[in-house]
Protein backbone atom coordinates (compact mmCIF):
# COMPACT_ATOMS: atom_id res chain seq x y z
CA ARG A 1 92.20 136.43 102.66
CA ASN A 2 90.85 138.80 100.02
CA SER A 3 92.95 138.12 96.89
CA ARG A 4 91.82 141.30 95.14
CA THR A 5 93.40 143.61 97.74
CA ALA A 6 95.95 141.19 99.24
CA LYS A 7 94.59 142.08 102.68
CA TYR A 8 92.84 139.93 105.22
CA ASP A 9 89.15 140.49 105.97
CA LEU A 10 89.75 141.67 109.53
CA VAL A 11 86.67 142.83 111.42
CA SER A 12 88.12 143.45 114.89
CA VAL A 13 91.61 144.41 116.07
CA GLU A 14 93.17 144.95 119.51
CA ILE A 15 96.52 146.72 119.60
CA PRO A 16 98.60 145.44 122.56
CA LYS A 17 100.29 147.84 124.96
CA ASN A 18 103.81 146.95 123.78
CA ILE A 19 103.09 148.38 120.28
CA LYS A 20 104.29 151.99 119.98
CA ILE A 21 103.88 152.52 116.21
CA ILE A 22 101.32 151.27 113.71
CA GLU A 23 103.07 151.50 110.34
CA MET A 24 101.70 152.79 107.04
CA ALA A 25 98.73 150.82 105.66
CA ALA A 26 99.06 148.17 108.39
CA PHE A 27 95.30 147.50 108.47
CA GLY A 28 94.17 149.52 105.43
CA ALA A 29 91.46 148.17 103.10
CA ASN A 30 90.08 145.80 105.74
CA PRO A 31 86.42 145.98 106.77
CA ILE A 32 87.39 146.63 110.40
CA GLU A 33 84.38 147.50 112.56
CA LYS A 34 86.03 147.61 115.95
CA VAL A 35 89.54 148.53 117.12
CA ARG A 36 90.89 148.82 120.64
CA PHE A 37 94.04 150.81 121.30
CA ASN A 38 95.94 150.31 124.54
CA GLU A 39 98.20 152.77 126.38
CA GLY A 40 101.71 152.81 124.95
CA LEU A 41 100.73 153.52 121.34
CA GLU A 42 102.40 156.77 120.20
CA THR A 43 102.01 156.92 116.41
CA ILE A 44 99.42 155.78 113.88
CA GLY A 45 100.95 155.84 110.40
CA ASN A 46 99.59 157.00 107.07
CA SER A 47 96.63 154.99 105.74
CA ALA A 48 96.87 152.62 108.73
CA PHE A 49 93.10 151.98 108.87
CA MET A 50 91.99 153.56 105.58
CA ALA A 51 88.66 152.34 104.15
CA HIS A 52 87.52 151.00 107.52
CA HIS A 53 83.98 150.39 108.83
CA ILE A 54 84.63 151.66 112.37
CA LYS A 55 81.80 153.52 114.14
CA GLU A 56 83.60 154.60 117.31
CA LEU A 57 87.23 155.44 118.10
CA GLN A 58 88.81 156.11 121.47
CA PHE A 59 92.52 156.88 121.49
CA PRO A 60 94.86 156.30 124.44
CA ASP A 61 96.49 159.26 126.18
CA SER A 62 99.91 158.02 124.98
CA LEU A 63 99.07 158.71 121.29
CA LYS A 64 101.00 161.71 119.89
CA SER A 65 100.33 161.67 116.14
CA ILE A 66 97.85 160.37 113.59
CA GLY A 67 99.16 160.10 110.02
CA ASP A 68 97.72 161.13 106.68
CA MET A 69 94.57 159.25 105.64
CA ALA A 70 94.87 157.04 108.73
CA PHE A 71 91.09 156.76 109.18
CA THR A 72 89.75 158.05 105.86
CA ALA A 73 86.42 156.31 105.46
CA ASP A 74 85.28 154.03 102.69
CA ARG A 75 83.41 156.56 100.51
CA LYS A 76 80.63 154.10 99.76
CA MET A 77 80.06 153.38 103.45
CA PRO A 78 81.07 156.19 105.85
CA THR A 79 80.67 154.92 109.40
CA LEU A 80 82.75 156.88 111.95
CA GLU A 81 80.27 158.59 114.31
CA SER A 82 82.23 159.04 117.54
CA LEU A 83 85.81 160.11 118.24
CA THR A 84 87.63 160.60 121.54
CA LEU A 85 91.11 162.08 121.27
CA GLY A 86 93.76 161.15 123.85
CA LYS A 87 95.25 163.85 126.09
CA ASN A 88 98.70 163.92 124.45
CA LEU A 89 97.72 163.94 120.78
CA GLU A 90 99.65 166.77 119.08
CA SER A 91 99.02 166.37 115.35
CA ILE A 92 96.36 165.05 113.00
CA GLY A 93 97.49 164.39 109.42
CA ARG A 94 95.99 165.15 105.99
CA ASN A 95 92.62 163.53 105.27
CA ALA A 96 92.94 161.62 108.58
CA PHE A 97 89.19 161.45 109.32
CA MET A 98 87.79 162.52 105.95
CA ASN A 99 84.33 161.37 104.79
CA GLY A 100 83.00 160.15 108.11
CA LYS A 101 79.75 160.81 109.97
CA LEU A 102 81.21 162.77 112.89
CA LYS A 103 78.78 165.32 114.35
CA GLU A 104 80.95 166.86 117.08
CA LEU A 105 84.60 167.18 117.93
CA VAL A 106 86.33 168.21 121.15
CA CYS A 107 90.03 168.88 120.67
CA ASN A 108 92.27 167.62 123.44
CA GLU A 109 94.41 170.05 125.44
CA ASN A 110 97.71 169.34 123.60
CA LEU A 111 96.55 169.26 119.97
CA LYS A 112 98.67 171.72 117.96
CA THR A 113 98.16 170.88 114.28
CA ILE A 114 95.15 169.86 112.19
CA ASP A 115 96.30 169.21 108.62
CA VAL A 116 94.62 169.57 105.19
CA ASN A 117 91.14 167.99 104.89
CA ALA A 118 91.59 166.24 108.27
CA PHE A 119 87.85 166.40 109.08
CA SER A 120 86.50 167.36 105.66
CA GLY A 121 83.28 165.74 104.48
CA ASN A 122 81.81 164.81 107.87
CA ASP A 123 78.55 166.02 109.48
CA LEU A 124 80.20 168.25 112.10
CA THR A 125 77.86 170.76 113.72
CA SER A 126 80.12 171.47 116.71
CA VAL A 127 83.89 171.80 117.19
CA LYS A 128 85.50 172.89 120.44
CA PHE A 129 89.09 174.00 119.99
CA ASN A 130 91.76 174.02 122.70
CA LYS A 131 94.04 176.90 123.71
CA ALA A 132 97.20 175.12 122.50
CA LEU A 133 96.06 174.81 118.87
CA GLU A 134 98.55 176.53 116.54
CA ASN A 135 97.74 175.48 112.97
CA ILE A 136 94.55 174.73 111.03
CA SER A 137 95.30 173.80 107.41
CA CYS A 138 93.33 174.28 104.20
CA SER A 139 89.89 172.65 104.14
CA ALA A 140 90.59 170.98 107.49
CA PHE A 141 86.89 171.35 108.33
CA GLY A 142 85.54 171.78 104.79
CA ASN A 143 82.12 170.51 103.74
CA ASN A 144 80.58 169.97 107.16
CA LYS A 145 77.52 171.51 108.81
CA LEU A 146 79.24 174.08 111.04
CA SER A 147 77.43 177.37 111.64
CA GLU A 148 79.82 178.90 114.20
CA VAL A 149 83.34 178.22 115.46
CA HIS A 150 85.42 179.97 118.12
CA LEU A 151 89.14 179.93 117.42
CA PRO A 152 91.72 180.16 120.23
CA PHE A 153 93.69 183.40 120.65
CA GLY A 154 96.98 181.48 120.39
CA LEU A 155 96.30 180.23 116.87
CA LYS A 156 99.35 181.04 114.71
CA LYS A 157 98.19 179.93 111.27
CA ILE A 158 94.88 179.25 109.58
CA CYS A 159 94.91 178.43 105.88
CA GLU A 160 92.56 179.70 103.24
CA GLY A 161 89.34 177.72 103.06
CA ALA A 162 89.83 175.96 106.39
CA PHE A 163 86.05 176.01 106.86
CA SER A 164 84.94 176.13 103.20
CA GLY A 165 81.68 174.44 102.30
CA ASN A 166 80.00 175.23 105.63
CA SER A 167 77.07 177.40 104.58
CA GLY A 168 76.75 180.70 106.47
CA ILE A 169 79.46 179.92 109.01
CA GLU A 170 80.56 182.56 111.53
CA VAL A 171 84.19 182.33 112.63
CA VAL A 172 85.00 184.08 115.92
CA LEU A 173 88.54 184.64 117.21
CA GLY A 174 88.85 183.66 120.85
CA ASN A 175 87.33 180.75 122.75
CA ARG A 176 84.49 181.64 125.07
């Protein structure tokens, strides 16, 4: 146990299939390097894995929402390089994957909302949006390395600065 943070020094976690919700800060401030999610999980709460050391994440198709700051990286040691979203994910919260090392993102077919700073501060060079996407919040993709993005025709709301900090970016309405 780490007495300074009152958290255990967990390195690996497997979430069993009977768990539907991971509550707020359940595994936050642990140096977790590997996590396995099983089908059945529906919600990951705010700050659930904040300040992690995870390199790769693969979410089950049963997952519907990811809370605010759920996977915000440890600023001193950003590690998240690979992310696979499950088929039924509908919303990604504020700062959910902020300060990682993600290079590409493919949005699943049911994703509707990407909240403030959700992917800000990564190394994204490629993002493929889905047709169901409705909302992209402020700075959701700020400070990455994007040069071009194609937004879906069905997009209902895009906030100011959604792609700020991406030098010379071209934003095109309508997926190719």
